[in-house]
Amino acid sequence: PSRQSRVVKVPEFRGQHVSETFLPALQAGVKTQVVRLTEHPAPVDGLVVRQDPSAGKRVKRDSTVFLIVRHPEHQRP
């Protein structure tokens, strides 16, 4: 049986919508945590503008990658 590596490479998440990051994160062996930049976000999929650690970094499997996400401001009627 093949053993999974204990060290994995962080994928590039910048420029993706949050909903697009789940599968690549799962496949890479990392967890994600969203950090919202918008105080009152509109109920839409936010865009990843930064991430920590950065893409290409080697981290322990199941490490958390923080996704800094910008949403459009929620417009109140």
C-alpha atoms as a PDB file:
ATOM      1  CA  PRO A   1       0.000   0.000   0.000  1.00  0.00           C
ATOM      2  CA  SER A   2       1.237   3.489  -0.820  1.00  0.00           C
ATOM      3  CA  ARG A   3       1.900   5.714   2.161  1.00  0.00           C
ATOM      4  CA  GLN A   4       0.731   9.298   1.954  1.00  0.00           C
ATOM      5  CA  SER A   5       3.471  11.851   2.292  1.00  0.00           C
ATOM      6  CA  ARG A   6       3.484  13.722   5.587  1.00  0.00           C
ATOM      7  CA  VAL A   7       4.603  16.882   3.771  1.00  0.00           C
ATOM      8  CA  VAL A   8       2.438  18.417   1.043  1.00  0.00           C
ATOM      9  CA  LYS A   9       2.694  21.403  -1.288  1.00  0.00           C
ATOM     10  CA  VAL A  10       0.270  24.319  -0.827  1.00  0.00           C
ATOM     11  CA  PRO A  11      -1.845  24.950  -3.954  1.00  0.00           C
ATOM     12  CA  GLU A  12      -2.363  28.403  -5.500  1.00  0.00           C
ATOM     13  CA  PHE A  13      -5.727  29.696  -4.292  1.00  0.00           C
ATOM     14  CA  ARG A  14      -5.405  33.403  -5.181  1.00  0.00           C
ATOM     15  CA  GLY A  15      -7.813  34.570  -7.850  1.00  0.00           C
ATOM     16  CA  GLN A  16     -10.255  31.723  -7.153  1.00  0.00           C
ATOM     17  CA  HIS A  17     -13.699  31.930  -5.625  1.00  0.00           C
ATOM     18  CA  VAL A  18     -13.978  30.296  -2.205  1.00  0.00           C
ATOM     19  CA  SER A  19     -16.215  27.512  -3.568  1.00  0.00           C
ATOM     20  CA  GLU A  20     -13.472  26.581  -6.062  1.00  0.00           C
ATOM     21  CA  THR A  21     -10.864  25.996  -3.328  1.00  0.00           C
ATOM     22  CA  PHE A  22     -12.443  23.046  -1.505  1.00  0.00           C
ATOM     23  CA  LEU A  23     -11.548  20.259  -3.935  1.00  0.00           C
ATOM     24  CA  PRO A  24      -7.947  21.371  -4.638  1.00  0.00           C
ATOM     25  CA  ALA A  25      -7.366  21.748  -0.873  1.00  0.00           C
ATOM     26  CA  LEU A  26      -8.750  18.268  -0.218  1.00  0.00           C
ATOM     27  CA  GLN A  27      -6.656  16.768  -3.024  1.00  0.00           C
ATOM     28  CA  ALA A  28      -3.508  18.524  -1.779  1.00  0.00           C
ATOM     29  CA  GLY A  29      -4.057  17.400   1.824  1.00  0.00           C
ATOM     30  CA  VAL A  30      -4.537  20.823   3.436  1.00  0.00           C
ATOM     31  CA  LYS A  31      -7.407  22.471   5.291  1.00  0.00           C
ATOM     32  CA  THR A  32      -8.603  25.996   4.578  1.00  0.00           C
ATOM     33  CA  GLN A  33      -9.893  28.750   6.815  1.00  0.00           C
ATOM     34  CA  VAL A  34     -11.553  31.825   5.338  1.00  0.00           C
ATOM     35  CA  VAL A  35     -10.663  35.288   6.648  1.00  0.00           C
ATOM     36  CA  ARG A  36     -13.157  37.876   5.330  1.00  0.00           C
ATOM     37  CA  LEU A  37     -11.960  41.399   4.544  1.00  0.00           C
ATOM     38  CA  THR A  38     -15.485  42.754   4.045  1.00  0.00           C
ATOM     39  CA  GLU A  39     -17.392  43.745   7.170  1.00  0.00           C
ATOM     40  CA  HIS A  40     -20.892  43.276   5.682  1.00  0.00           C
ATOM     41  CA  PRO A  41     -20.350  40.840   2.799  1.00  0.00           C
ATOM     42  CA  ALA A  42     -22.943  40.356   0.100  1.00  0.00           C
ATOM     43  CA  PRO A  43     -24.294  36.787   0.046  1.00  0.00           C
ATOM     44  CA  VAL A  44     -22.079  35.757  -2.870  1.00  0.00           C
ATOM     45  CA  ASP A  45     -18.938  33.705  -3.332  1.00  0.00           C
ATOM     46  CA  GLY A  46     -15.900  35.720  -2.210  1.00  0.00           C
ATOM     47  CA  LEU A  47     -12.624  35.990  -4.123  1.00  0.00           C
ATOM     48  CA  VAL A  48      -9.320  34.852  -2.574  1.00  0.00           C
ATOM     49  CA  VAL A  49      -6.915  37.818  -2.691  1.00  0.00           C
ATOM     50  CA  ARG A  50      -4.143  36.469  -0.417  1.00  0.00           C
ATOM     51  CA  GLN A  51      -3.205  33.228   1.264  1.00  0.00           C
ATOM     52  CA  ASP A  52      -0.916  32.145   4.083  1.00  0.00           C
ATOM     53  CA  PRO A  53       1.182  30.092   3.658  1.00  0.00           C
ATOM     54  CA  SER A  54       1.850  30.996   0.030  1.00  0.00           C
ATOM     55  CA  ALA A  55       1.482  28.658  -2.947  1.00  0.00           C
ATOM     56  CA  GLY A  56       4.307  26.176  -3.402  1.00  0.00           C
ATOM     57  CA  LYS A  57       5.304  26.139   0.280  1.00  0.00           C
ATOM     58  CA  ARG A  58       5.767  22.697   1.794  1.00  0.00           C
ATOM     59  CA  VAL A  59       3.700  22.123   4.935  1.00  0.00           C
ATOM     60  CA  LYS A  60       2.639  19.185   7.091  1.00  0.00           C
ATOM     61  CA  ARG A  61      -0.377  17.278   5.787  1.00  0.00           C
ATOM     62  CA  ASP A  62      -3.654  18.624   7.277  1.00  0.00           C
ATOM     63  CA  SER A  63      -2.100  22.057   7.927  1.00  0.00           C
ATOM     64  CA  THR A  64      -4.454  25.033   7.656  1.00  0.00           C
ATOM     65  CA  VAL A  65      -4.093  27.516   4.813  1.00  0.00           C
ATOM     66  CA  PHE A  66      -5.680  30.894   5.617  1.00  0.00           C
ATOM     67  CA  LEU A  67      -7.568  32.333   2.660  1.00  0.00           C
ATOM     68  CA  ILE A  68      -7.944  36.113   2.782  1.00  0.00           C
ATOM     69  CA  VAL A  69     -11.201  36.749   0.937  1.00  0.00           C
ATOM     70  CA  ARG A  70     -12.838  39.888  -0.444  1.00  0.00           C
ATOM     71  CA  HIS A  71     -16.612  39.993  -0.959  1.00  0.00           C
ATOM     72  CA  PRO A  72     -18.628  42.781  -2.538  1.00  0.00           C
ATOM     73  CA  GLU A  73     -20.176  45.003   0.146  1.00  0.00           C
ATOM     74  CA  HIS A  74     -23.785  44.081   0.956  1.00  0.00           C
ATOM     75  CA  GLN A  75     -26.031  46.832  -0.462  1.00  0.00           C
ATOM     76  CA  ARG A  76     -28.972  47.634   1.772  1.00  0.00           C
ATOM     77  CA  PRO A  77     -32.171  48.812   0.080  1.00  0.00           C
END
